[in-house]
Protein backbone atom coordinates (compact mmCIF):
# COMPACT_ATOMS: atom_id res chain seq x y z
CA MET A 1 42.70 199.57 97.36
CA LYS A 2 42.18 198.21 93.61
CA LEU A 3 41.57 200.58 90.76
CA VAL A 4 42.62 198.38 88.27
CA LEU A 5 40.45 195.20 86.88
CA SER A 6 41.62 191.82 87.62
CA GLN A 7 42.19 189.33 84.80
CA GLU A 8 38.90 187.56 85.73
CA GLN A 9 37.28 191.01 85.82
CA GLN A 10 38.38 191.91 82.41
CA GLN A 11 36.98 188.64 81.14
CA LEU A 12 33.68 189.17 82.56
CA ARG A 13 33.75 192.90 81.05
CA GLU A 14 34.58 191.05 77.59
CA SER A 15 31.80 188.41 77.96
CA VAL A 16 29.11 190.86 78.82
CA ARG A 17 30.12 193.37 76.27
CA SER A 18 30.50 190.73 73.28
CA PHE A 19 27.11 189.32 74.27
CA LEU A 20 25.18 192.62 74.50
CA ARG A 21 26.87 193.69 71.05
CA ALA A 22 25.42 190.85 69.43
CA ALA A 23 22.02 190.25 71.46
CA SER A 24 21.18 193.92 72.13
CA PRO A 25 22.31 196.45 69.59
CA LEU A 26 21.24 200.08 69.99
CA PRO A 27 18.63 199.65 67.10
CA LYS A 28 16.87 197.11 69.11
CA VAL A 29 17.09 198.72 72.18
CA ARG A 30 14.64 201.40 70.79
CA HIS A 31 11.87 198.47 70.79
CA GLY A 32 12.09 198.31 74.72
CA TYR A 33 12.51 195.29 77.00
CA ASP A 34 12.95 191.97 75.36
CA PRO A 35 12.42 189.14 77.82
CA GLN A 36 14.28 186.73 75.57
CA VAL A 37 17.40 188.70 75.85
CA TYR A 38 16.79 188.99 79.39
CA ALA A 39 16.53 185.16 79.92
CA ARG A 40 19.72 184.64 77.85
CA LEU A 41 21.51 187.04 79.73
CA ASN A 42 20.84 185.12 82.93
CA GLY A 43 20.98 181.75 81.20
CA GLU A 44 24.19 182.20 79.52
CA LEU A 45 26.09 184.53 81.61
CA GLY A 46 24.25 184.16 84.98
CA LEU A 47 24.47 187.83 85.64
CA SER A 48 21.39 188.11 87.81
CA GLY A 49 22.99 185.83 89.95
CA LEU A 50 26.23 187.50 90.16
CA ILE A 51 26.25 188.75 93.84
CA VAL A 52 23.98 186.24 95.22
CA PRO A 53 25.70 184.01 97.45
CA GLU A 54 26.87 180.47 96.27
CA GLU A 55 24.59 178.60 98.83
CA TYR A 56 21.74 180.02 97.11
CA GLY A 57 23.03 179.24 93.79
CA GLY A 58 24.72 182.42 93.08
CA ALA A 59 28.28 183.24 91.86
CA GLY A 60 29.13 184.83 95.17
CA ALA A 61 30.86 187.71 93.45
CA GLY A 62 31.16 191.26 94.99
CA MET A 63 30.19 194.53 94.23
CA ALA A 64 33.29 195.04 92.34
CA GLU A 65 32.07 192.33 89.81
CA LEU A 66 28.81 193.63 89.62
CA ALA A 67 30.01 197.05 88.65
CA VAL A 68 31.83 195.58 85.85
CA ALA A 69 28.89 194.16 84.73
CA LEU A 70 26.69 197.28 85.10
CA GLU A 71 29.06 199.47 83.07
CA GLU A 72 28.73 197.05 80.35
CA THR A 73 24.74 197.15 80.54
CA GLY A 74 24.77 200.82 81.04
CA ALA A 75 27.07 201.28 77.94
CA ALA A 76 24.58 199.24 75.72
CA LEU A 77 21.44 201.05 77.34
CA LEU A 78 20.14 197.68 78.09
CA PRO A 79 16.38 197.96 78.72
CA GLY A 80 14.69 195.71 81.13
CA PRO A 81 14.70 194.81 84.90
CA PHE A 82 18.53 194.19 85.12
CA LEU A 83 19.35 197.25 87.28
CA ALA A 84 16.12 196.67 89.39
CA THR A 85 17.00 193.15 90.05
CA ALA A 86 20.51 194.19 91.13
CA PHE A 87 18.94 196.34 93.61
CA ALA A 88 16.88 193.76 95.00
CA ALA A 89 19.62 191.35 95.16
CA ILE A 90 21.81 193.85 97.04
CA ALA A 91 19.04 194.28 99.69
CA LEU A 92 18.36 190.18 100.20
CA THR A 93 22.07 189.96 100.33
CA ARG A 94 21.69 191.96 103.59
CA THR A 95 18.27 190.28 104.58
CA PRO A 96 18.92 186.64 103.17
CA ASP A 97 15.95 184.79 101.94
CA LYS A 98 16.48 181.50 100.17
CA GLU A 99 13.63 181.36 97.99
CA LEU A 100 13.87 184.87 96.22
CA LEU A 101 17.83 184.71 96.04
CA SER A 102 17.56 181.23 94.47
CA GLY A 103 15.03 182.49 92.00
CA ILE A 104 17.11 185.70 91.19
CA ALA A 105 20.05 183.60 90.85
CA GLU A 106 18.46 181.17 88.24
CA GLY A 107 16.96 183.92 86.41
CA ARG A 108 13.30 182.81 87.18
CA VAL A 109 12.49 185.89 89.18
CA ALA A 110 12.87 189.46 88.47
CA ALA A 111 12.64 191.90 91.13
CA THR A 112 12.67 195.46 92.28
CA LEU A 113 13.15 197.40 95.20
CA THR A 114 11.82 200.50 96.82
CA GLU A 115 13.12 202.57 99.74
CA HIS A 116 9.62 204.05 100.62
CA GLU A 117 8.09 202.58 103.70
CA LEU A 118 4.89 200.63 103.40
CA ALA A 119 2.46 199.76 106.39
CA CYS A 120 2.32 195.95 107.49
CA ASP A 121 0.10 194.07 109.56
CA GLY A 122 2.33 191.19 109.37
CA THR A 123 0.59 189.23 106.31
CA THR A 124 -0.53 191.97 104.17
CA VAL A 125 0.81 195.35 103.11
CA ARG A 126 -0.71 198.85 102.27
CA GLY A 127 0.82 201.83 100.26
CA THR A 128 1.23 203.90 97.15
CA LEU A 129 4.42 203.80 95.21
CA THR A 130 4.45 206.65 92.70
CA GLN A 131 7.82 205.40 90.75
CA VAL A 132 8.88 201.91 91.00
CA LEU A 133 11.69 201.12 88.83
CA SER A 134 10.68 198.16 86.24
CA GLY A 135 7.62 198.11 88.08
CA MET A 136 5.78 196.48 85.06
CA GLU A 137 8.50 193.63 84.34
CA ALA A 138 9.41 192.92 88.05
CA ASP A 139 7.79 189.95 89.52
CA VAL A 140 8.43 190.81 93.12
CA LEU A 141 8.73 194.08 95.12
CA VAL A 142 11.12 194.09 98.07
CA ALA A 143 10.51 196.75 100.66
CA PRO A 144 10.75 198.28 104.05
CA ALA A 145 7.62 198.16 105.93
CA SER A 146 6.64 199.25 109.29
CA THR A 147 4.94 196.93 111.71
CA GLY A 148 3.85 197.44 115.38
CA ASP A 149 7.28 195.62 116.31
CA GLY A 150 9.32 198.01 114.33
CA MET A 151 10.96 197.96 110.89
CA VAL A 152 11.07 194.89 108.38
CA MET A 153 11.79 193.86 104.91
CA VAL A 154 8.97 192.46 102.92
CA ALA A 155 8.48 190.61 99.65
CA VAL A 156 5.23 191.50 97.54
CA GLU A 157 4.29 189.14 94.39
CA LEU A 158 3.28 191.85 92.13
CA GLY A 159 0.70 189.65 90.28
CA ALA A 160 -1.08 189.05 93.50
CA PRO A 161 -4.46 190.32 94.56
CA GLY A 162 -4.49 193.88 96.05
CA VAL A 163 -1.97 194.95 93.66
CA SER A 164 -2.33 197.38 90.90
CA ARG A 165 0.32 198.60 88.66
CA THR A 166 0.07 201.73 85.95
CA PRO A 167 2.72 202.08 83.39
CA LEU A 168 4.29 205.62 83.47
CA GLU A 169 5.48 207.86 80.58
CA THR A 170 9.30 208.19 81.51
CA LEU A 171 12.03 210.30 79.90
CA ASP A 172 14.24 207.54 79.45
CA VAL A 173 12.54 205.14 76.88
CA THR A 174 14.94 202.34 77.26
CA ARG A 175 13.73 201.79 80.98
CA GLY A 176 10.32 201.87 82.22
CA GLN A 177 8.84 202.71 85.78
CA ALA A 178 5.25 202.21 87.01
CA ARG A 179 3.01 203.39 89.83
CA VAL A 180 2.16 200.49 92.21
CA VAL A 181 -0.75 200.74 94.81
CA LEU A 182 -1.11 198.31 97.45
CA GLU A 183 -4.31 197.83 99.13
CA GLY A 184 -4.22 194.86 101.51
CA ALA A 185 -1.73 192.99 99.28
CA PRO A 186 -0.32 189.54 100.66
CA CYS A 187 3.32 189.92 101.70
CA ARG A 188 5.78 187.87 103.13
CA VAL A 189 8.16 189.29 105.95
CA LEU A 190 11.90 188.56 105.16
CA GLY A 191 13.27 189.85 108.67
CA PRO A 192 14.69 193.07 110.29
CA GLN A 193 15.40 195.95 107.88
CA PRO A 194 19.15 196.33 107.92
CA GLU A 195 20.39 199.58 109.84
CA SER A 196 22.70 200.66 106.89
CA GLY A 197 24.79 199.48 103.84
CA ILE A 198 21.74 198.99 101.27
CA GLY A 199 21.61 202.68 100.12
CA ASP A 200 25.48 203.00 99.55
CA ARG A 201 25.60 200.04 97.43
CA LEU A 202 22.61 201.15 95.55
CA CYS A 203 24.90 204.43 94.76
CA VAL A 204 27.78 202.40 93.57
CA ALA A 205 25.67 200.41 91.45
CA VAL A 206 24.00 203.38 89.67
CA ALA A 207 27.49 204.90 89.38
CA ALA A 208 28.83 201.87 87.46
CA GLU A 209 25.94 202.20 85.08
CA GLN A 210 26.53 205.76 84.62
CA LEU A 211 30.33 204.95 83.89
CA GLY A 212 29.40 202.76 80.96
CA VAL A 213 26.90 205.49 79.70
CA MET A 214 29.78 207.99 79.73
CA ARG A 215 32.19 205.57 78.01
CA ALA A 216 30.01 204.72 75.21
CA ALA A 217 28.78 208.33 74.71
CA LEU A 218 32.51 209.42 74.48
CA ASP A 219 33.37 206.55 72.20
CA ALA A 220 30.62 207.29 69.78
CA ILE A 221 31.44 211.02 69.26
CA VAL A 222 35.27 210.19 69.13
CA ALA A 223 34.45 208.15 66.28
CA TYR A 224 32.04 210.56 64.58
CA ALA A 225 34.66 213.45 64.95
CA LYS A 226 37.13 211.50 62.91
CA ILE A 227 34.85 210.93 60.01
CA ARG A 228 32.52 214.26 59.95
CA VAL A 229 33.74 216.79 57.47
CA ALA A 230 32.63 220.51 57.80
CA PHE A 231 34.52 223.12 55.81
CA GLY A 232 37.00 220.92 54.25
CA ARG A 233 38.29 219.50 57.42
CA TYR A 234 37.37 216.62 59.83
CA ILE A 235 35.60 218.44 62.75
CA GLY A 236 37.91 216.45 65.29
CA SER A 237 40.89 218.62 64.09
CA TYR A 238 39.13 222.07 65.31
CA GLN A 239 40.54 223.26 68.39
CA GLY A 240 37.23 223.68 69.99
CA VAL A 241 36.08 220.10 69.40
CA LYS A 242 39.54 218.65 70.46
CA HIS A 243 39.42 220.70 73.85
CA LYS A 244 35.73 219.55 74.58
CA LEU A 245 36.60 215.95 73.93
CA ALA A 246 39.81 216.18 76.16
CA ASP A 247 37.51 217.54 78.89
CA MET A 248 34.82 214.82 78.43
CA HIS A 249 37.83 212.27 78.60
CA CYS A 250 39.07 213.78 82.05
CA LYS A 251 35.97 213.38 83.44
CA LEU A 252 35.56 209.89 82.36
CA GLU A 253 39.06 209.14 84.05
CA GLN A 254 38.03 210.67 87.37
CA ALA A 255 34.67 208.70 87.22
CA GLU A 256 36.31 205.44 86.83
CA SER A 257 38.67 205.79 89.55
CA ILE A 258 35.63 207.05 91.63
CA VAL A 259 33.61 203.93 90.88
CA ARG A 260 36.57 201.57 91.19
CA TYR A 261 37.33 202.82 94.68
CA ALA A 262 33.64 202.86 95.80
CA ALA A 263 33.00 199.24 94.62
CA TRP A 264 36.32 198.13 96.42
CA ALA A 265 35.19 199.81 99.52
CA ALA A 266 31.80 198.00 99.35
CA ASP A 267 33.58 194.62 99.23
CA GLU A 268 36.57 195.40 101.41
CA ALA A 269 36.55 198.42 103.52
CA PRO A 270 32.83 199.05 104.71
CA ASP A 271 33.90 201.87 106.96
CA GLU A 272 34.96 203.76 103.83
CA LEU A 273 31.81 203.09 101.96
CA PRO A 274 29.68 205.96 102.85
CA GLY A 275 31.95 208.41 101.83
CA ALA A 276 32.84 206.69 98.65
CA ALA A 277 29.14 205.89 97.82
CA ALA A 278 28.23 209.73 98.33
CA LEU A 279 31.23 210.79 96.31
CA ALA A 280 30.39 208.37 93.47
CA GLN A 281 26.82 209.99 93.04
CA ALA A 282 27.89 213.65 93.92
CA TYR A 283 30.43 213.49 90.92
CA VAL A 284 29.70 210.81 88.46
CA GLY A 285 26.06 211.48 88.38
CA ARG A 286 26.75 214.95 86.83
CA ALA A 287 29.45 214.12 84.96
CA CYS A 288 27.62 211.42 83.17
CA PHE A 289 25.05 213.91 82.24
CA GLU A 290 27.40 216.51 80.86
CA VAL A 291 29.15 213.86 78.79
CA ALA A 292 25.81 212.56 77.05
CA ARG A 293 24.88 216.29 76.76
CA ASP A 294 28.43 217.23 74.96
CA HIS A 295 28.27 214.23 73.21
CA LEU A 296 24.95 215.11 71.47
CA LEU A 297 25.68 218.62 71.09
CA LEU A 298 29.07 217.81 69.03
CA HIS A 299 26.98 215.69 66.78
CA GLY A 300 25.33 218.86 65.65
CA GLY A 301 21.85 218.90 64.05
CA ILE A 302 21.97 215.10 63.46
CA GLY A 303 22.26 214.72 67.00
CA TYR A 304 18.91 216.43 67.56
CA THR A 305 17.07 214.03 65.58
CA TRP A 306 15.00 210.89 66.45
CA GLU A 307 16.56 208.93 64.29
CA HIS A 308 20.22 209.42 65.99
CA ASP A 309 21.01 207.53 69.21
CA ALA A 310 22.36 210.41 70.98
CA HIS A 311 18.99 211.24 72.47
CA LEU A 312 19.07 207.75 74.13
CA PHE A 313 22.10 208.31 76.00
CA TYR A 314 20.86 212.02 77.00
CA LYS A 315 17.97 210.60 78.60
CA ARG A 316 19.46 207.73 80.32
CA ALA A 317 21.91 209.90 81.87
CA LYS A 318 19.41 212.36 82.89
CA ALA A 319 17.41 209.73 84.61
CA ASP A 320 20.11 208.11 86.19
CA GLU A 321 21.44 211.34 87.71
CA VAL A 322 18.33 211.77 89.64
CA LEU A 323 17.39 208.06 90.14
CA LEU A 324 18.54 208.22 93.71
CA GLY A 325 18.06 211.92 94.38
CA PRO A 326 19.64 214.93 92.64
CA PRO A 327 23.52 215.37 93.20
CA ARG A 328 23.08 218.18 95.74
CA LEU A 329 21.74 215.80 98.15
CA HIS A 330 24.77 213.42 97.82
CA ARG A 331 27.22 216.56 98.02
CA ALA A 332 25.41 217.71 101.28
CA ARG A 333 25.73 214.03 102.37
CA LEU A 334 29.52 213.92 101.57
CA ALA A 335 30.07 217.55 103.31
CA GLN A 336 28.37 216.02 106.43
CA LEU A 337 30.57 213.02 106.31
CA LEU A 338 33.49 214.91 105.78
CA GLU A 339 32.66 217.50 108.67
CA LEU A 340 32.78 220.33 106.21
């Protein structure tokens, strides 16, 4: 088991961090998705093709490397379809398709994934998807579909006839969702639906992003506690604040170990992945929200204002916490896996 980043993974982290610090600072994040930033992210760093196999033009990296990248995009609250495209790439590595994987690796295709089942007649699909992550920005939807011969994975061009998309008003203003209605939309069958593995890897990916949100929120409030003066003292010197910051730090340390373990299991120990993935979402999701919440509260009155960035972390943390289902569902699955 590897819980410490390798030298190459540390270099990847620094590259992504420095790029996002310059190209997508928090004041810019408020304006939402910037296609130019996304194009540079893929063109200069090749992040969208990180886990795409080399035979399709990607880097051929594993979930451990993807987790490092997602931690940094989470810390920067990067808007746009990067997480959604990572979801689709995870699914496509289990049902390989040269056209889509090559497009993702080259940064030409932004994709998204749904786990909701569509109805397919072999050439077209029907169904209503109430919430599709980055549904307005994505070019292609990857989805499971039911046919007369069983379950398959299909790809749907979201700009094709028979597809209607409606943007949703979301809690997280930095990441959009859409309602997608498919009425006889043309599709391409990619292959049989994998029996397992996709959902667990999605759990690891979201937990990695949540880890980045936690780290950035804690760094921000620690920095603030060192400069904010109340009643003639820095607020970081008050015992109540110090204890709260220590609790937040402990949650971060535990979350990092859980995420590193889950990412390692996805690459090296598939038998351990289901339990590691369930643990990641059962613990990290709630811990991320609690750290973001306390980060907002410790900022005092200014933390409640629209001008401050605290609410951006709070909203991303809450949206991520329920993205793959509330933590109680993952706790129940973990208990079942442990035969408790």
